[in-house]
Each structure stands twice: as C-alpha cells, then as structure tokens.
C-alpha cells in the first residue's frame, strides 16, 4: 500500500521503471533521527516495514498519524 496525496492506494511498492524516476527526499537531520527512533521502537522495525504502522503492521493513513499525536506541536525543538 502506498500513500498518494491525500488518499491511500493499493498500488504495490516496487522499484522504479527507469533511473529517471528516482527522487531524492531531503529530510532535516532532526526529523530523520526522530523517524528512525520511532521505527526502531516499533514492533515493525524491519527494512520493509513502514515508519508509522498500524497494529497489523500496515502503513498508517496520514490522518490517523496526526490524530495519534504526530503533530508539529509535539516535536517543538
């Protein structure tokens, strides 16, 4: 399952068809650290697991992520 915009798609996550389809995502070091720590603390911390997972190990919908406290206010630096 992949997050696409504001909807969740059932498209499989696969390697891009061409090298031009690859994209870099720039994260602030503090955000990368926070996400890494969150994933490592999860029961689903394997390389193929989502960073924020449901109890069943599926990717959590973005609205549920914010409802469960992953808002900007919580992580003021």
C-alpha atoms as a PDB file:
ATOM      1  CA  UNK A   1       0.000   0.000   0.000  1.00  0.00           C
ATOM      2  CA  UNK A   2       1.360   3.443  -0.841  1.00  0.00           C
ATOM      3  CA  UNK A   3       0.349   6.908   0.272  1.00  0.00           C
ATOM      4  CA  UNK A   4      -0.530   9.006  -2.769  1.00  0.00           C
ATOM      5  CA  UNK A   5      -1.509  12.596  -1.993  1.00  0.00           C
ATOM      6  CA  UNK A   6      -4.467  12.552   0.377  1.00  0.00           C
ATOM      7  CA  UNK A   7      -5.522   9.006  -0.455  1.00  0.00           C
ATOM      8  CA  UNK A   8      -4.189   5.563   0.232  1.00  0.00           C
ATOM      9  CA  UNK A   9      -3.573   3.485  -2.859  1.00  0.00           C
ATOM     10  CA  UNK A  10      -3.359  -0.276  -3.104  1.00  0.00           C
ATOM     11  CA  UNK A  11      -0.553   0.057  -5.656  1.00  0.00           C
ATOM     12  CA  UNK A  12       2.337  -2.250  -4.846  1.00  0.00           C
ATOM     13  CA  UNK A  13       5.577  -0.567  -3.875  1.00  0.00           C
ATOM     14  CA  UNK A  14       8.159  -1.590  -6.459  1.00  0.00           C
ATOM     15  CA  UNK A  15      11.400  -0.418  -7.985  1.00  0.00           C
ATOM     16  CA  UNK A  16      11.006   2.469 -10.434  1.00  0.00           C
ATOM     17  CA  UNK A  17      10.826   1.543 -14.111  1.00  0.00           C
ATOM     18  CA  UNK A  18      13.641   3.908 -15.100  1.00  0.00           C
ATOM     19  CA  UNK A  19      16.578   5.615 -13.389  1.00  0.00           C
ATOM     20  CA  UNK A  20      14.955   8.988 -14.145  1.00  0.00           C
ATOM     21  CA  UNK A  21      12.040   8.028 -11.890  1.00  0.00           C
ATOM     22  CA  UNK A  22      14.263   8.054  -8.785  1.00  0.00           C
ATOM     23  CA  UNK A  23      13.855  11.054  -6.473  1.00  0.00           C
ATOM     24  CA  UNK A  24      15.844  12.311  -3.514  1.00  0.00           C
ATOM     25  CA  UNK A  25      13.899  13.304  -0.422  1.00  0.00           C
ATOM     26  CA  UNK A  26      15.669  15.818   1.766  1.00  0.00           C
ATOM     27  CA  UNK A  27      14.983  15.491   5.496  1.00  0.00           C
ATOM     28  CA  UNK A  28      16.253  17.689   8.264  1.00  0.00           C
ATOM     29  CA  UNK A  29      18.657  15.634  10.412  1.00  0.00           C
ATOM     30  CA  UNK A  30      16.424  16.096  13.462  1.00  0.00           C
ATOM     31  CA  UNK A  31      13.385  14.724  11.595  1.00  0.00           C
ATOM     32  CA  UNK A  32      15.383  11.782  10.220  1.00  0.00           C
ATOM     33  CA  UNK A  33      16.550  10.973  13.773  1.00  0.00           C
ATOM     34  CA  UNK A  34      13.015  11.220  15.155  1.00  0.00           C
ATOM     35  CA  UNK A  35      11.595   8.926  12.469  1.00  0.00           C
ATOM     36  CA  UNK A  36      14.457   6.427  12.867  1.00  0.00           C
ATOM     37  CA  UNK A  37      13.929   6.271  16.656  1.00  0.00           C
ATOM     38  CA  UNK A  38      10.168   5.859  16.227  1.00  0.00           C
ATOM     39  CA  UNK A  39      10.591   2.984  13.775  1.00  0.00           C
ATOM     40  CA  UNK A  40      13.179   1.210  15.931  1.00  0.00           C
ATOM     41  CA  UNK A  41      10.806   1.384  18.918  1.00  0.00           C
ATOM     42  CA  UNK A  42       8.012  -0.207  16.850  1.00  0.00           C
ATOM     43  CA  UNK A  43       7.224  -3.912  16.672  1.00  0.00           C
ATOM     44  CA  UNK A  44       7.502  -3.428  12.905  1.00  0.00           C
ATOM     45  CA  UNK A  45      11.050  -2.136  12.550  1.00  0.00           C
ATOM     46  CA  UNK A  46      12.261  -4.270   9.650  1.00  0.00           C
ATOM     47  CA  UNK A  47      13.631  -2.811   6.417  1.00  0.00           C
ATOM     48  CA  UNK A  48      10.363  -3.394   4.530  1.00  0.00           C
ATOM     49  CA  UNK A  49       8.092  -2.119   7.299  1.00  0.00           C
ATOM     50  CA  UNK A  50       6.500   1.338   7.218  1.00  0.00           C
ATOM     51  CA  UNK A  51       7.876   4.012   9.545  1.00  0.00           C
ATOM     52  CA  UNK A  52       4.433   4.522  11.126  1.00  0.00           C
ATOM     53  CA  UNK A  53       2.497   1.253  11.183  1.00  0.00           C
ATOM     54  CA  UNK A  54      -0.904   0.114  12.389  1.00  0.00           C
ATOM     55  CA  UNK A  55      -1.153  -2.682  14.968  1.00  0.00           C
ATOM     56  CA  UNK A  56      -1.310  -5.073  11.999  1.00  0.00           C
ATOM     57  CA  UNK A  57       1.918  -3.676  10.518  1.00  0.00           C
ATOM     58  CA  UNK A  58       0.276  -1.834   7.634  1.00  0.00           C
ATOM     59  CA  UNK A  59       1.126   1.783   6.705  1.00  0.00           C
ATOM     60  CA  UNK A  60      -0.928   4.163   8.826  1.00  0.00           C
ATOM     61  CA  UNK A  61      -3.095   6.697   6.971  1.00  0.00           C
ATOM     62  CA  UNK A  62      -1.766  10.240   7.348  1.00  0.00           C
ATOM     63  CA  UNK A  63      -4.895  11.437   9.178  1.00  0.00           C
ATOM     64  CA  UNK A  64      -4.520   8.711  11.791  1.00  0.00           C
ATOM     65  CA  UNK A  65      -0.863   9.646  12.236  1.00  0.00           C
ATOM     66  CA  UNK A  66      -1.783  13.230  13.148  1.00  0.00           C
ATOM     67  CA  UNK A  67      -4.689  12.091  15.358  1.00  0.00           C
ATOM     68  CA  UNK A  68      -2.306   9.923  17.373  1.00  0.00           C
ATOM     69  CA  UNK A  69      -0.055  12.821  18.280  1.00  0.00           C
ATOM     70  CA  UNK A  70       2.455  13.102  15.454  1.00  0.00           C
ATOM     71  CA  UNK A  71       1.858  16.790  15.042  1.00  0.00           C
ATOM     72  CA  UNK A  72       4.310  19.652  14.750  1.00  0.00           C
ATOM     73  CA  UNK A  73       3.374  20.852  18.238  1.00  0.00           C
ATOM     74  CA  UNK A  74       4.616  17.651  19.854  1.00  0.00           C
ATOM     75  CA  UNK A  75       8.105  17.928  18.425  1.00  0.00           C
ATOM     76  CA  UNK A  76       8.959  21.562  19.012  1.00  0.00           C
ATOM     77  CA  UNK A  77      12.704  21.866  19.195  1.00  0.00           C
END
